[in-house]
């Protein structure tokens, strides 16, 4: 075999070997490059998250959480206020007890002594002009109505007595007009009469009593009763 033939046969092998070496070298470069890229990325992240940056990020997260909590608290407060307002309106509409007159001047009080009465004063007087609307202080049934104090005597003039669900009675005296009759069902705040100056009266006013029975002689302190029922006098 000639020398040239031997060389020609060896060339493919040499080329393949060189190709493998080159490919291996390129692979190594690619692997090294990729590793270097990953390392560079980690290094960048580590460099960004400095202690100061970490503190700032934590502060930002806490501020965001606090803002969200404050918003939730405000929403809860608004919702609570709406519920309370609704309850207040409902309570106002369905008040169990009210003032018998809206505008007045308090004059003779309960248990007050004087020449006007054979015994101490049995109610509370509200000085008002003749014809002032008189309202039922509470819901109930009219058990007395008319002149002669509705049966309690001429000193009361025209009068009304209402029986209430709690077993108490309210009385309205010295009226100029009576707008309800015995047996009528009335609601708290309903117009039942007009104030006047009838009977044993020193001037235009409403005489108001709270009683334990429908009759004279069983009166309680009407102001204390109304206040205990939530009425501001």
C-alpha atoms as a PDB file:
ATOM      1  CA  UNK A   1       0.000   0.000   0.000  1.00  0.00           C
ATOM      2  CA  UNK A   2       1.438   3.414  -0.909  1.00  0.00           C
ATOM      3  CA  UNK A   3       1.983   6.237   1.530  1.00  0.00           C
ATOM      4  CA  UNK A   4      -0.621   8.389  -0.220  1.00  0.00           C
ATOM      5  CA  UNK A   5      -3.284   5.733   0.198  1.00  0.00           C
ATOM      6  CA  UNK A   6      -2.619   5.495   3.921  1.00  0.00           C
ATOM      7  CA  UNK A   7      -2.932   9.270   4.338  1.00  0.00           C
ATOM      8  CA  UNK A   8      -6.173   9.353   2.394  1.00  0.00           C
ATOM      9  CA  UNK A   9      -7.681   6.700   4.605  1.00  0.00           C
ATOM     10  CA  UNK A  10      -6.657   8.499   7.752  1.00  0.00           C
ATOM     11  CA  UNK A  11      -8.183  11.887   6.761  1.00  0.00           C
ATOM     12  CA  UNK A  12     -11.870  11.022   7.534  1.00  0.00           C
ATOM     13  CA  UNK A  13     -10.913   9.736  10.945  1.00  0.00           C
ATOM     14  CA  UNK A  14      -8.940  12.847  11.702  1.00  0.00           C
ATOM     15  CA  UNK A  15     -11.786  15.054  10.557  1.00  0.00           C
ATOM     16  CA  UNK A  16     -14.283  13.156  12.663  1.00  0.00           C
ATOM     17  CA  UNK A  17     -12.013  13.453  15.680  1.00  0.00           C
ATOM     18  CA  UNK A  18     -11.589  17.168  15.104  1.00  0.00           C
ATOM     19  CA  UNK A  19     -15.347  17.567  14.719  1.00  0.00           C
ATOM     20  CA  UNK A  20     -15.978  15.757  17.951  1.00  0.00           C
ATOM     21  CA  UNK A  21     -13.416  17.878  19.707  1.00  0.00           C
ATOM     22  CA  UNK A  22     -14.886  21.062  18.285  1.00  0.00           C
ATOM     23  CA  UNK A  23     -18.438  19.982  19.189  1.00  0.00           C
ATOM     24  CA  UNK A  24     -17.337  19.100  22.673  1.00  0.00           C
ATOM     25  CA  UNK A  25     -15.637  22.445  23.014  1.00  0.00           C
ATOM     26  CA  UNK A  26     -18.719  24.296  21.832  1.00  0.00           C
ATOM     27  CA  UNK A  27     -20.894  22.328  24.265  1.00  0.00           C
ATOM     28  CA  UNK A  28     -18.608  23.208  27.068  1.00  0.00           C
ATOM     29  CA  UNK A  29     -18.725  26.842  26.071  1.00  0.00           C
ATOM     30  CA  UNK A  30     -22.534  26.743  25.921  1.00  0.00           C
ATOM     31  CA  UNK A  31     -22.767  25.079  29.321  1.00  0.00           C
ATOM     32  CA  UNK A  32     -20.325  27.507  30.834  1.00  0.00           C
ATOM     33  CA  UNK A  33     -22.182  30.403  29.248  1.00  0.00           C
ATOM     34  CA  UNK A  34     -25.522  29.241  30.584  1.00  0.00           C
ATOM     35  CA  UNK A  35     -24.127  28.821  34.053  1.00  0.00           C
ATOM     36  CA  UNK A  36     -22.575  32.215  33.870  1.00  0.00           C
ATOM     37  CA  UNK A  37     -25.957  33.691  32.833  1.00  0.00           C
ATOM     38  CA  UNK A  38     -27.775  32.075  35.749  1.00  0.00           C
ATOM     39  CA  UNK A  39     -25.124  33.174  38.150  1.00  0.00           C
ATOM     40  CA  UNK A  40     -25.337  36.677  36.752  1.00  0.00           C
ATOM     41  CA  UNK A  41     -29.151  36.724  37.236  1.00  0.00           C
ATOM     42  CA  UNK A  42     -28.878  35.550  40.846  1.00  0.00           C
ATOM     43  CA  UNK A  43     -26.188  38.075  41.470  1.00  0.00           C
ATOM     44  CA  UNK A  44     -28.465  40.846  40.083  1.00  0.00           C
ATOM     45  CA  UNK A  45     -31.387  39.792  42.312  1.00  0.00           C
ATOM     46  CA  UNK A  46     -29.188  39.597  45.371  1.00  0.00           C
ATOM     47  CA  UNK A  47     -27.767  42.975  44.572  1.00  0.00           C
ATOM     48  CA  UNK A  48     -31.302  44.479  44.221  1.00  0.00           C
ATOM     49  CA  UNK A  49     -32.698  43.083  47.530  1.00  0.00           C
ATOM     50  CA  UNK A  50     -30.477  45.049  49.827  1.00  0.00           C
ATOM     51  CA  UNK A  51     -31.489  45.359  53.494  1.00  0.00           C
ATOM     52  CA  UNK A  52     -32.853  48.824  52.806  1.00  0.00           C
ATOM     53  CA  UNK A  53     -34.910  47.533  49.868  1.00  0.00           C
ATOM     54  CA  UNK A  54     -36.265  44.659  51.956  1.00  0.00           C
ATOM     55  CA  UNK A  55     -37.325  47.078  54.694  1.00  0.00           C
ATOM     56  CA  UNK A  56     -38.972  49.339  52.115  1.00  0.00           C
ATOM     57  CA  UNK A  57     -40.853  46.401  50.597  1.00  0.00           C
ATOM     58  CA  UNK A  58     -42.052  45.285  54.004  1.00  0.00           C
ATOM     59  CA  UNK A  59     -43.166  48.823  54.866  1.00  0.00           C
ATOM     60  CA  UNK A  60     -45.054  49.052  51.575  1.00  0.00           C
ATOM     61  CA  UNK A  61     -46.816  45.740  52.252  1.00  0.00           C
ATOM     62  CA  UNK A  62     -47.748  46.860  55.766  1.00  0.00           C
ATOM     63  CA  UNK A  63     -49.084  50.181  54.470  1.00  0.00           C
ATOM     64  CA  UNK A  64     -51.169  48.371  51.882  1.00  0.00           C
ATOM     65  CA  UNK A  65     -52.579  46.027  54.530  1.00  0.00           C
ATOM     66  CA  UNK A  66     -53.326  48.967  56.842  1.00  0.00           C
ATOM     67  CA  UNK A  67     -55.126  50.817  54.046  1.00  0.00           C
ATOM     68  CA  UNK A  68     -57.221  47.743  53.281  1.00  0.00           C
ATOM     69  CA  UNK A  69     -58.077  47.373  56.980  1.00  0.00           C
ATOM     70  CA  UNK A  70     -59.017  51.056  57.247  1.00  0.00           C
ATOM     71  CA  UNK A  71     -61.285  50.740  54.210  1.00  0.00           C
ATOM     72  CA  UNK A  72     -62.969  47.698  55.750  1.00  0.00           C
ATOM     73  CA  UNK A  73     -63.443  49.553  59.049  1.00  0.00           C
ATOM     74  CA  UNK A  74     -64.990  52.548  57.259  1.00  0.00           C
ATOM     75  CA  UNK A  75     -67.362  50.286  55.327  1.00  0.00           C
ATOM     76  CA  UNK A  76     -68.366  48.537  58.553  1.00  0.00           C
ATOM     77  CA  UNK A  77     -68.948  51.905  60.257  1.00  0.00           C
ATOM     78  CA  UNK A  78     -71.107  53.133  57.367  1.00  0.00           C
ATOM     79  CA  UNK A  79     -73.117  49.901  57.427  1.00  0.00           C
ATOM     80  CA  UNK A  80     -73.571  50.153  61.212  1.00  0.00           C
ATOM     81  CA  UNK A  81     -74.678  53.791  60.941  1.00  0.00           C
ATOM     82  CA  UNK A  82     -77.210  52.826  58.268  1.00  0.00           C
ATOM     83  CA  UNK A  83     -78.613  50.070  60.485  1.00  0.00           C
ATOM     84  CA  UNK A  84     -78.828  52.405  63.488  1.00  0.00           C
ATOM     85  CA  UNK A  85     -80.500  55.107  61.398  1.00  0.00           C
ATOM     86  CA  UNK A  86     -83.038  52.572  60.178  1.00  0.00           C
ATOM     87  CA  UNK A  87     -83.683  51.416  63.738  1.00  0.00           C
ATOM     88  CA  UNK A  88     -84.055  55.029  64.860  1.00  0.00           C
ATOM     89  CA  UNK A  89     -86.626  55.732  62.157  1.00  0.00           C
ATOM     90  CA  UNK A  90     -88.502  52.570  63.039  1.00  0.00           C
ATOM     91  CA  UNK A  91     -88.446  53.433  66.745  1.00  0.00           C
ATOM     92  CA  UNK A  92     -89.639  56.947  65.969  1.00  0.00           C
ATOM     93  CA  UNK A  93     -92.518  55.631  63.885  1.00  0.00           C
ATOM     94  CA  UNK A  94     -93.551  53.116  66.510  1.00  0.00           C
ATOM     95  CA  UNK A  95     -92.810  55.039  69.720  1.00  0.00           C
ATOM     96  CA  UNK A  96     -94.706  53.504  72.620  1.00  0.00           C
ATOM     97  CA  UNK A  97     -95.155  56.811  74.466  1.00  0.00           C
ATOM     98  CA  UNK A  98     -95.160  60.467  73.412  1.00  0.00           C
ATOM     99  CA  UNK A  99     -95.826  63.910  74.878  1.00  0.00           C
ATOM    100  CA  UNK A 100     -99.536  64.766  75.082  1.00  0.00           C
ATOM    101  CA  UNK A 101     -98.821  68.217  73.596  1.00  0.00           C
ATOM    102  CA  UNK A 102     -95.895  69.399  71.489  1.00  0.00           C
ATOM    103  CA  UNK A 103     -95.271  73.000  72.634  1.00  0.00           C
ATOM    104  CA  UNK A 104     -96.020  73.980  76.212  1.00  0.00           C
ATOM    105  CA  UNK A 105     -94.908  75.538  79.466  1.00  0.00           C
ATOM    106  CA  UNK A 106     -94.865  73.329  82.542  1.00  0.00           C
ATOM    107  CA  UNK A 107     -96.873  74.859  85.374  1.00  0.00           C
ATOM    108  CA  UNK A 108     -98.441  73.022  88.337  1.00  0.00           C
ATOM    109  CA  UNK A 109     -96.614  69.754  88.969  1.00  0.00           C
ATOM    110  CA  UNK A 110     -97.585  66.417  90.494  1.00  0.00           C
ATOM    111  CA  UNK A 111     -98.210  66.352  94.261  1.00  0.00           C
ATOM    112  CA  UNK A 112     -98.011  70.132  94.502  1.00  0.00           C
ATOM    113  CA  UNK A 113    -100.077  71.731  97.255  1.00  0.00           C
ATOM    114  CA  UNK A 114    -102.253  74.808  96.959  1.00  0.00           C
ATOM    115  CA  UNK A 115    -105.682  76.384  97.386  1.00  0.00           C
ATOM    116  CA  UNK A 116    -106.712  75.253  93.904  1.00  0.00           C
ATOM    117  CA  UNK A 117    -107.102  71.632  95.008  1.00  0.00           C
ATOM    118  CA  UNK A 118    -108.812  69.948  97.938  1.00  0.00           C
ATOM    119  CA  UNK A 119    -105.874  67.571  98.012  1.00  0.00           C
ATOM    120  CA  UNK A 120    -102.451  67.827  96.445  1.00  0.00           C
ATOM    121  CA  UNK A 121    -102.279  68.165  92.655  1.00  0.00           C
ATOM    122  CA  UNK A 122    -102.849  64.792  90.994  1.00  0.00           C
ATOM    123  CA  UNK A 123    -101.158  65.432  87.648  1.00  0.00           C
ATOM    124  CA  UNK A 124     -98.931  67.663  85.552  1.00  0.00           C
ATOM    125  CA  UNK A 125    -100.248  70.856  83.939  1.00  0.00           C
ATOM    126  CA  UNK A 126     -99.074  71.897  80.466  1.00  0.00           C
ATOM    127  CA  UNK A 127     -99.897  75.546  79.808  1.00  0.00           C
ATOM    128  CA  UNK A 128    -101.036  75.851  76.175  1.00  0.00           C
ATOM    129  CA  UNK A 129    -103.473  78.066  74.235  1.00  0.00           C
ATOM    130  CA  UNK A 130    -107.083  76.950  73.878  1.00  0.00           C
ATOM    131  CA  UNK A 131    -107.438  74.698  70.842  1.00  0.00           C
ATOM    132  CA  UNK A 132    -103.953  73.149  71.024  1.00  0.00           C
ATOM    133  CA  UNK A 133    -103.970  69.581  69.623  1.00  0.00           C
ATOM    134  CA  UNK A 134    -103.904  66.981  72.399  1.00  0.00           C
ATOM    135  CA  UNK A 135    -102.428  63.567  71.532  1.00  0.00           C
ATOM    136  CA  UNK A 136    -102.798  60.152  73.122  1.00  0.00           C
ATOM    137  CA  UNK A 137     -99.649  59.595  75.162  1.00  0.00           C
ATOM    138  CA  UNK A 138     -99.785  55.877  74.377  1.00  0.00           C
ATOM    139  CA  UNK A 139    -101.819  53.339  72.441  1.00  0.00           C
ATOM    140  CA  UNK A 140    -104.935  51.995  74.123  1.00  0.00           C
ATOM    141  CA  UNK A 141    -108.705  52.050  74.486  1.00  0.00           C
ATOM    142  CA  UNK A 142    -110.790  55.059  75.506  1.00  0.00           C
ATOM    143  CA  UNK A 143    -112.695  54.177  78.687  1.00  0.00           C
ATOM    144  CA  UNK A 144    -113.987  57.662  79.638  1.00  0.00           C
ATOM    145  CA  UNK A 145    -114.801  60.657  77.457  1.00  0.00           C
ATOM    146  CA  UNK A 146    -116.972  63.721  77.775  1.00  0.00           C
ATOM    147  CA  UNK A 147    -118.082  66.440  80.219  1.00  0.00           C
ATOM    148  CA  UNK A 148    -118.056  66.174  84.005  1.00  0.00           C
ATOM    149  CA  UNK A 149    -114.516  64.869  83.799  1.00  0.00           C
ATOM    150  CA  UNK A 150    -115.770  61.844  81.875  1.00  0.00           C
ATOM    151  CA  UNK A 151    -117.321  60.760  85.153  1.00  0.00           C
ATOM    152  CA  UNK A 152    -114.565  61.921  87.510  1.00  0.00           C
ATOM    153  CA  UNK A 153    -116.347  65.154  88.487  1.00  0.00           C
ATOM    154  CA  UNK A 154    -116.931  68.697  87.224  1.00  0.00           C
ATOM    155  CA  UNK A 155    -113.536  69.965  88.406  1.00  0.00           C
ATOM    156  CA  UNK A 156    -111.920  68.283  85.398  1.00  0.00           C
ATOM    157  CA  UNK A 157    -114.261  69.826  82.839  1.00  0.00           C
ATOM    158  CA  UNK A 158    -114.254  67.898  79.569  1.00  0.00           C
ATOM    159  CA  UNK A 159    -111.926  64.922  79.968  1.00  0.00           C
ATOM    160  CA  UNK A 160    -110.706  61.645  78.447  1.00  0.00           C
ATOM    161  CA  UNK A 161    -109.250  58.527  80.104  1.00  0.00           C
ATOM    162  CA  UNK A 162    -107.360  55.882  78.072  1.00  0.00           C
ATOM    163  CA  UNK A 163    -106.501  52.372  79.222  1.00  0.00           C
ATOM    164  CA  UNK A 164    -103.078  51.157  78.040  1.00  0.00           C
ATOM    165  CA  UNK A 165    -101.663  47.700  77.449  1.00  0.00           C
ATOM    166  CA  UNK A 166     -99.306  47.914  80.427  1.00  0.00           C
ATOM    167  CA  UNK A 167    -102.241  48.267  82.838  1.00  0.00           C
ATOM    168  CA  UNK A 168    -101.818  52.033  83.281  1.00  0.00           C
ATOM    169  CA  UNK A 169    -104.342  54.759  82.421  1.00  0.00           C
ATOM    170  CA  UNK A 170    -103.751  58.273  81.105  1.00  0.00           C
ATOM    171  CA  UNK A 171    -106.142  61.176  81.720  1.00  0.00           C
ATOM    172  CA  UNK A 172    -106.518  64.465  79.779  1.00  0.00           C
ATOM    173  CA  UNK A 173    -108.651  67.234  81.338  1.00  0.00           C
ATOM    174  CA  UNK A 174    -109.971  70.821  80.901  1.00  0.00           C
ATOM    175  CA  UNK A 175    -110.492  70.130  77.180  1.00  0.00           C
ATOM    176  CA  UNK A 176    -112.348  72.455  74.818  1.00  0.00           C
ATOM    177  CA  UNK A 177    -113.233  69.590  72.446  1.00  0.00           C
ATOM    178  CA  UNK A 178    -113.315  65.791  72.718  1.00  0.00           C
ATOM    179  CA  UNK A 179    -112.647  63.979  69.417  1.00  0.00           C
ATOM    180  CA  UNK A 180    -112.987  60.333  70.533  1.00  0.00           C
ATOM    181  CA  UNK A 181    -115.657  58.295  72.259  1.00  0.00           C
ATOM    182  CA  UNK A 182    -115.670  55.451  74.767  1.00  0.00           C
ATOM    183  CA  UNK A 183    -114.456  52.226  73.151  1.00  0.00           C
ATOM    184  CA  UNK A 184    -112.299  53.929  70.523  1.00  0.00           C
ATOM    185  CA  UNK A 185    -108.915  52.364  69.817  1.00  0.00           C
ATOM    186  CA  UNK A 186    -106.185  55.006  69.647  1.00  0.00           C
ATOM    187  CA  UNK A 187    -102.485  54.980  68.840  1.00  0.00           C
ATOM    188  CA  UNK A 188     -99.643  56.862  70.500  1.00  0.00           C
ATOM    189  CA  UNK A 189     -99.514  60.353  69.044  1.00  0.00           C
ATOM    190  CA  UNK A 190    -103.058  60.265  67.649  1.00  0.00           C
ATOM    191  CA  UNK A 191    -105.134  63.446  67.953  1.00  0.00           C
ATOM    192  CA  UNK A 192    -107.847  62.862  70.565  1.00  0.00           C
ATOM    193  CA  UNK A 193    -108.906  66.353  71.689  1.00  0.00           C
ATOM    194  CA  UNK A 194    -108.254  70.091  71.807  1.00  0.00           C
ATOM    195  CA  UNK A 195    -106.985  71.790  74.935  1.00  0.00           C
ATOM    196  CA  UNK A 196    -109.209  74.257  76.775  1.00  0.00           C
ATOM    197  CA  UNK A 197    -110.120  75.972  80.019  1.00  0.00           C
ATOM    198  CA  UNK A 198    -113.155  74.014  81.209  1.00  0.00           C
ATOM    199  CA  UNK A 199    -113.874  72.917  84.767  1.00  0.00           C
ATOM    200  CA  UNK A 200    -111.869  74.113  87.749  1.00  0.00           C
ATOM    201  CA  UNK A 201    -109.137  75.808  85.740  1.00  0.00           C
ATOM    202  CA  UNK A 202    -107.047  78.894  86.430  1.00  0.00           C
ATOM    203  CA  UNK A 203    -106.264  79.403  82.732  1.00  0.00           C
ATOM    204  CA  UNK A 204    -105.898  77.560  79.430  1.00  0.00           C
ATOM    205  CA  UNK A 205    -103.915  74.364  79.965  1.00  0.00           C
ATOM    206  CA  UNK A 206    -103.927  70.571  79.710  1.00  0.00           C
ATOM    207  CA  UNK A 207    -104.139  68.607  82.948  1.00  0.00           C
ATOM    208  CA  UNK A 208    -102.431  65.239  82.397  1.00  0.00           C
ATOM    209  CA  UNK A 209    -102.406  62.219  84.708  1.00  0.00           C
ATOM    210  CA  UNK A 210    -101.061  58.660  84.764  1.00  0.00           C
ATOM    211  CA  UNK A 211    -103.190  56.339  86.904  1.00  0.00           C
ATOM    212  CA  UNK A 212    -103.233  52.740  88.083  1.00  0.00           C
ATOM    213  CA  UNK A 213    -107.042  52.639  87.662  1.00  0.00           C
ATOM    214  CA  UNK A 214    -109.448  54.627  85.456  1.00  0.00           C
ATOM    215  CA  UNK A 215    -110.675  56.597  88.466  1.00  0.00           C
ATOM    216  CA  UNK A 216    -109.603  59.644  90.428  1.00  0.00           C
ATOM    217  CA  UNK A 217    -107.345  58.918  93.413  1.00  0.00           C
ATOM    218  CA  UNK A 218    -104.974  56.427  91.761  1.00  0.00           C
ATOM    219  CA  UNK A 219    -102.567  58.884  90.131  1.00  0.00           C
ATOM    220  CA  UNK A 220     -98.811  58.354  89.758  1.00  0.00           C
ATOM    221  CA  UNK A 221     -96.125  60.934  88.992  1.00  0.00           C
ATOM    222  CA  UNK A 222     -96.754  61.420  85.235  1.00  0.00           C
ATOM    223  CA  UNK A 223     -93.404  63.088  84.520  1.00  0.00           C
ATOM    224  CA  UNK A 224     -91.448  60.261  86.126  1.00  0.00           C
ATOM    225  CA  UNK A 225     -93.523  57.741  84.188  1.00  0.00           C
ATOM    226  CA  UNK A 226     -93.006  59.425  80.810  1.00  0.00           C
ATOM    227  CA  UNK A 227     -89.290  59.850  81.384  1.00  0.00           C
ATOM    228  CA  UNK A 228     -88.971  56.177  82.338  1.00  0.00           C
ATOM    229  CA  UNK A 229     -90.720  55.372  79.031  1.00  0.00           C
ATOM    230  CA  UNK A 230     -88.083  57.360  77.099  1.00  0.00           C
ATOM    231  CA  UNK A 231     -90.078  60.577  76.597  1.00  0.00           C
ATOM    232  CA  UNK A 232     -88.058  63.764  76.978  1.00  0.00           C
ATOM    233  CA  UNK A 233     -90.069  66.413  78.806  1.00  0.00           C
END
